[in-house]
Each structure stands twice: as structure tokens, then as C-alpha cells.
N, C-alpha and C. Protein backbone atom coordinates (compact mmCIF):
# COMPACT_ATOMS: atom_id res chain seq x y z
N MET A 1 98.78 -118.89 172.97
CA MET A 1 99.37 -118.24 173.97
C MET A 1 100.60 -117.81 173.43
N ILE A 2 101.57 -118.34 172.69
CA ILE A 2 102.71 -117.71 172.11
C ILE A 2 102.50 -116.67 171.25
N ASN A 3 101.56 -116.65 170.37
CA ASN A 3 101.28 -115.52 169.58
C ASN A 3 100.48 -114.41 170.03
N LYS A 4 100.16 -114.44 171.48
CA LYS A 4 99.58 -113.37 172.07
C LYS A 4 100.57 -112.21 172.21
N PRO A 5 99.96 -111.01 172.03
CA PRO A 5 100.85 -109.94 172.16
C PRO A 5 101.50 -109.70 173.57
N LEU A 6 102.87 -109.26 173.77
CA LEU A 6 103.51 -109.04 174.80
C LEU A 6 102.91 -108.13 175.65
N THR A 7 102.87 -108.36 177.00
CA THR A 7 102.37 -107.21 177.89
C THR A 7 103.45 -106.33 178.36
N HIS A 8 103.11 -105.24 178.76
CA HIS A 8 104.11 -104.17 179.26
C HIS A 8 104.99 -104.71 180.29
N LYS A 9 104.62 -105.59 181.27
CA LYS A 9 105.29 -106.33 182.25
C LYS A 9 106.37 -107.21 181.68
N GLU A 10 105.82 -108.04 180.68
CA GLU A 10 106.99 -108.95 180.02
C GLU A 10 108.09 -108.14 179.46
N VAL A 11 107.65 -107.19 178.63
CA VAL A 11 108.80 -106.37 177.91
C VAL A 11 109.74 -105.68 178.90
N SER A 12 109.11 -105.16 180.01
CA SER A 12 109.92 -104.44 181.04
C SER A 12 110.85 -105.47 181.73
N ILE A 13 110.51 -106.66 181.94
CA ILE A 13 111.39 -107.61 182.57
C ILE A 13 112.53 -107.95 181.66
N ALA A 14 112.10 -108.21 180.36
CA ALA A 14 113.19 -108.72 179.40
C ALA A 14 113.96 -107.46 179.09
N SER A 15 113.59 -106.19 179.12
CA SER A 15 114.36 -105.11 178.81
C SER A 15 115.44 -104.95 179.93
N LYS A 16 114.93 -105.08 181.17
CA LYS A 16 115.94 -105.01 182.30
C LYS A 16 117.00 -106.08 182.32
N GLN A 17 116.53 -107.26 181.99
CA GLN A 17 117.61 -108.13 182.00
C GLN A 17 118.52 -108.14 180.73
N PHE A 18 118.02 -107.66 179.53
CA PHE A 18 118.91 -107.44 178.32
C PHE A 18 119.96 -106.31 178.64
N PHE A 19 119.49 -105.07 179.17
CA PHE A 19 120.29 -104.03 179.43
C PHE A 19 121.31 -104.35 180.56
N ASP A 20 120.96 -105.12 181.59
CA ASP A 20 121.87 -105.54 182.50
C ASP A 20 123.01 -106.17 182.01
N LEU A 21 122.87 -107.29 181.18
CA LEU A 21 123.88 -108.00 180.31
C LEU A 21 124.50 -107.12 179.50
N TYR A 22 123.89 -106.26 178.66
CA TYR A 22 124.53 -105.28 177.61
C TYR A 22 125.65 -104.42 178.47
N GLN A 23 125.19 -103.78 179.70
CA GLN A 23 125.96 -103.04 180.46
C GLN A 23 127.24 -103.87 180.98
N ILE A 24 127.07 -105.13 181.29
CA ILE A 24 128.42 -105.77 181.85
C ILE A 24 129.31 -106.00 180.61
N VAL A 25 128.79 -106.36 179.31
CA VAL A 25 129.64 -106.72 178.23
C VAL A 25 130.26 -105.16 177.95
N TYR A 26 129.46 -104.18 177.68
CA TYR A 26 129.91 -102.87 177.35
C TYR A 26 131.17 -102.38 178.46
N ASP A 27 131.12 -102.53 179.67
CA ASP A 27 132.06 -102.12 180.72
C ASP A 27 133.17 -103.02 180.38
N ASP A 28 133.16 -104.09 180.12
CA ASP A 28 134.29 -104.99 180.00
C ASP A 28 135.03 -104.69 178.58
N LEU A 29 134.22 -104.42 177.62
CA LEU A 29 134.78 -103.84 176.35
C LEU A 29 135.60 -102.62 176.42
N ARG A 30 135.01 -101.72 177.35
CA ARG A 30 135.67 -100.30 177.54
C ARG A 30 136.99 -100.51 178.27
N ASP A 31 137.26 -101.45 178.92
CA ASP A 31 138.45 -101.82 179.55
C ASP A 31 139.57 -102.04 178.43
N TYR A 32 139.28 -102.35 177.23
CA TYR A 32 140.04 -102.69 176.18
C TYR A 32 140.23 -101.58 175.30
N HIS A 33 139.23 -100.59 174.93
CA HIS A 33 139.29 -99.50 173.99
C HIS A 33 138.10 -98.61 174.43
N GLU A 34 138.14 -97.26 174.21
CA GLU A 34 137.30 -96.37 174.59
C GLU A 34 136.05 -96.25 173.94
N ASN A 35 136.30 -96.35 172.49
CA ASN A 35 135.16 -95.97 171.57
C ASN A 35 134.35 -97.30 171.24
N VAL A 36 133.65 -97.81 172.05
CA VAL A 36 132.87 -99.13 171.73
C VAL A 36 131.52 -98.72 171.05
N LYS A 37 131.41 -99.37 170.06
CA LYS A 37 130.10 -99.13 169.27
C LYS A 37 129.10 -100.26 169.79
N ALA A 38 127.78 -99.95 169.55
CA ALA A 38 126.74 -100.90 169.99
C ALA A 38 126.87 -102.22 169.20
N GLU A 39 127.12 -102.10 168.03
CA GLU A 39 127.38 -103.44 167.06
C GLU A 39 128.48 -104.33 167.64
N GLU A 40 129.54 -103.69 168.33
CA GLU A 40 130.57 -104.38 168.88
C GLU A 40 129.98 -105.23 170.14
N VAL A 41 129.50 -104.52 170.79
CA VAL A 41 128.73 -104.85 172.12
C VAL A 41 127.85 -106.08 172.08
N LEU A 42 126.95 -106.02 170.84
CA LEU A 42 126.06 -106.99 170.58
C LEU A 42 126.71 -108.24 170.03
N LYS A 43 127.73 -108.05 169.14
CA LYS A 43 128.56 -109.29 168.69
C LYS A 43 129.35 -110.14 169.79
N ALA A 44 129.91 -108.96 170.81
CA ALA A 44 130.53 -109.66 171.95
C ALA A 44 129.59 -110.44 172.86
N MET A 45 128.44 -109.97 172.97
CA MET A 45 127.28 -110.50 173.94
C MET A 45 126.94 -111.82 173.32
N GLU A 46 126.77 -111.93 172.05
CA GLU A 46 126.45 -113.12 171.53
C GLU A 46 127.42 -114.27 171.82
N GLN A 47 128.73 -114.04 171.59
CA GLN A 47 129.85 -115.00 172.07
C GLN A 47 129.80 -115.22 173.43
N VAL A 48 129.61 -114.19 174.37
CA VAL A 48 129.78 -114.35 175.78
C VAL A 48 128.64 -115.12 176.26
N CYS A 49 127.45 -114.91 175.83
CA CYS A 49 126.29 -115.78 176.18
C CYS A 49 126.33 -117.00 175.72
N GLY A 50 126.90 -117.44 174.46
CA GLY A 50 127.17 -118.71 174.06
C GLY A 50 128.11 -119.42 174.94
N LEU A 51 129.18 -118.89 175.50
CA LEU A 51 130.21 -119.33 176.37
C LEU A 51 129.61 -119.72 177.63
N ALA A 52 128.91 -118.66 178.05
CA ALA A 52 128.17 -118.88 179.38
C ALA A 52 127.23 -120.14 179.37
N GLN A 53 126.48 -120.34 178.31
CA GLN A 53 125.62 -121.51 178.10
C GLN A 53 126.49 -122.76 178.20
N LYS A 54 127.61 -122.85 177.47
CA LYS A 54 128.52 -124.08 177.49
C LYS A 54 129.08 -124.26 178.89
N LEU A 55 129.44 -123.29 179.58
CA LEU A 55 129.90 -123.43 181.02
C LEU A 55 128.88 -123.95 181.77
N ARG A 56 127.61 -123.54 181.61
CA ARG A 56 126.62 -123.99 182.43
C ARG A 56 126.15 -125.47 182.15
N ALA A 57 126.33 -125.86 180.85
CA ALA A 57 126.16 -127.15 180.54
C ALA A 57 127.04 -128.04 181.22
N GLN A 58 128.45 -127.67 181.09
CA GLN A 58 129.48 -128.45 181.53
C GLN A 58 129.40 -128.54 183.15
N GLU A 59 128.93 -127.66 183.74
CA GLU A 59 128.89 -127.65 185.18
C GLU A 59 127.71 -128.61 185.58
N VAL A 60 126.67 -128.68 184.95
CA VAL A 60 125.64 -129.64 185.05
C VAL A 60 126.08 -130.98 184.78
N LEU A 61 126.76 -131.23 183.82
CA LEU A 61 127.31 -132.46 183.49
C LEU A 61 128.41 -133.01 184.52
N ASP A 62 129.17 -132.20 184.95
CA ASP A 62 130.02 -132.45 186.12
C ASP A 62 129.42 -132.74 187.34
N ARG A 63 128.37 -132.20 187.71
CA ARG A 63 127.67 -132.61 188.96
C ARG A 63 127.04 -133.97 188.91
N PHE A 64 126.69 -134.45 187.75
CA PHE A 64 125.87 -135.71 187.65
C PHE A 64 126.84 -136.81 186.87
N GLY A 65 128.17 -136.57 186.78
CA GLY A 65 128.84 -137.59 186.11
C GLY A 65 129.32 -138.65 187.08
N PHE A 66 129.51 -139.82 186.62
CA PHE A 66 130.04 -140.94 187.39
C PHE A 66 131.38 -140.82 187.83
N ASN A 67 132.20 -139.91 187.14
CA ASN A 67 133.65 -139.84 187.52
C ASN A 67 133.87 -138.54 188.30
N LYS A 68 133.01 -138.38 189.30
CA LYS A 68 133.29 -137.35 190.25
C LYS A 68 134.43 -137.68 191.16
N GLU A 69 135.18 -136.82 191.56
CA GLU A 69 136.33 -136.96 192.58
C GLU A 69 135.61 -137.08 194.00
N GLN A 70 136.19 -138.31 194.68
CA GLN A 70 135.63 -138.52 195.97
C GLN A 70 136.48 -137.49 196.99
N GLU A 71 135.74 -137.11 198.05
CA GLU A 71 136.43 -136.34 199.07
C GLU A 71 137.28 -137.20 199.89
N ASP A 72 138.45 -136.81 200.21
CA ASP A 72 139.47 -137.53 200.89
C ASP A 72 139.36 -137.52 202.25
N ASP A 73 138.52 -136.63 202.90
CA ASP A 73 138.11 -136.57 204.46
C ASP A 73 137.35 -137.77 204.85
N ASN A 74 136.52 -138.48 203.95
CA ASN A 74 135.67 -139.52 204.39
C ASN A 74 136.30 -140.77 204.09
N GLU A 75 137.39 -140.89 203.44
CA GLU A 75 137.96 -142.27 203.06
C GLU A 75 138.88 -142.84 204.11
N GLU A 76 138.89 -144.06 204.44
CA GLU A 76 139.77 -144.56 205.51
C GLU A 76 140.42 -145.75 204.75
N VAL A 77 141.77 -145.88 205.00
CA VAL A 77 142.50 -146.92 204.30
C VAL A 77 142.69 -148.01 205.29
């Protein structure tokens, strides 16, 4: 199944997702300088997506950790 050729639908979905992310990074880079090259956007995307994965992993760990902060509203002294 993995070696099967990609369908038109699969490529279309992947393309939409990729270019949506590309546009976000491109727009952010243009805030810093006008002449943004595709190579710069792709390098930045690699770093940004790596950071996003780290943040996602940290969020998951924080939700399931034993050291979660207790809400003060429910505590009685």
C-alpha cells in the first residue's frame, strides 16, 4: 500500500496543506524584508515546523504530568 502511486486526491490534499503553511511563513518573513526567496521560506518552514512539533509534544506532556497545578477554586483549607 505504501508503494502504491499517489492518487490525485491525496496530492491535492497534501498540496493544499503545504501551501497554506508556506503562505503563513512567507507572510511572516515579508514582515522583516521585502525580497523573500523560496529557499528562505523553505528553510524557515523547516525550523518553524520543528518548533511547532516540540511545542505540541510539550503541551501533551504538560497535560498528562503528575505535577499539574491544582485549581485554587476547589481547595478548602
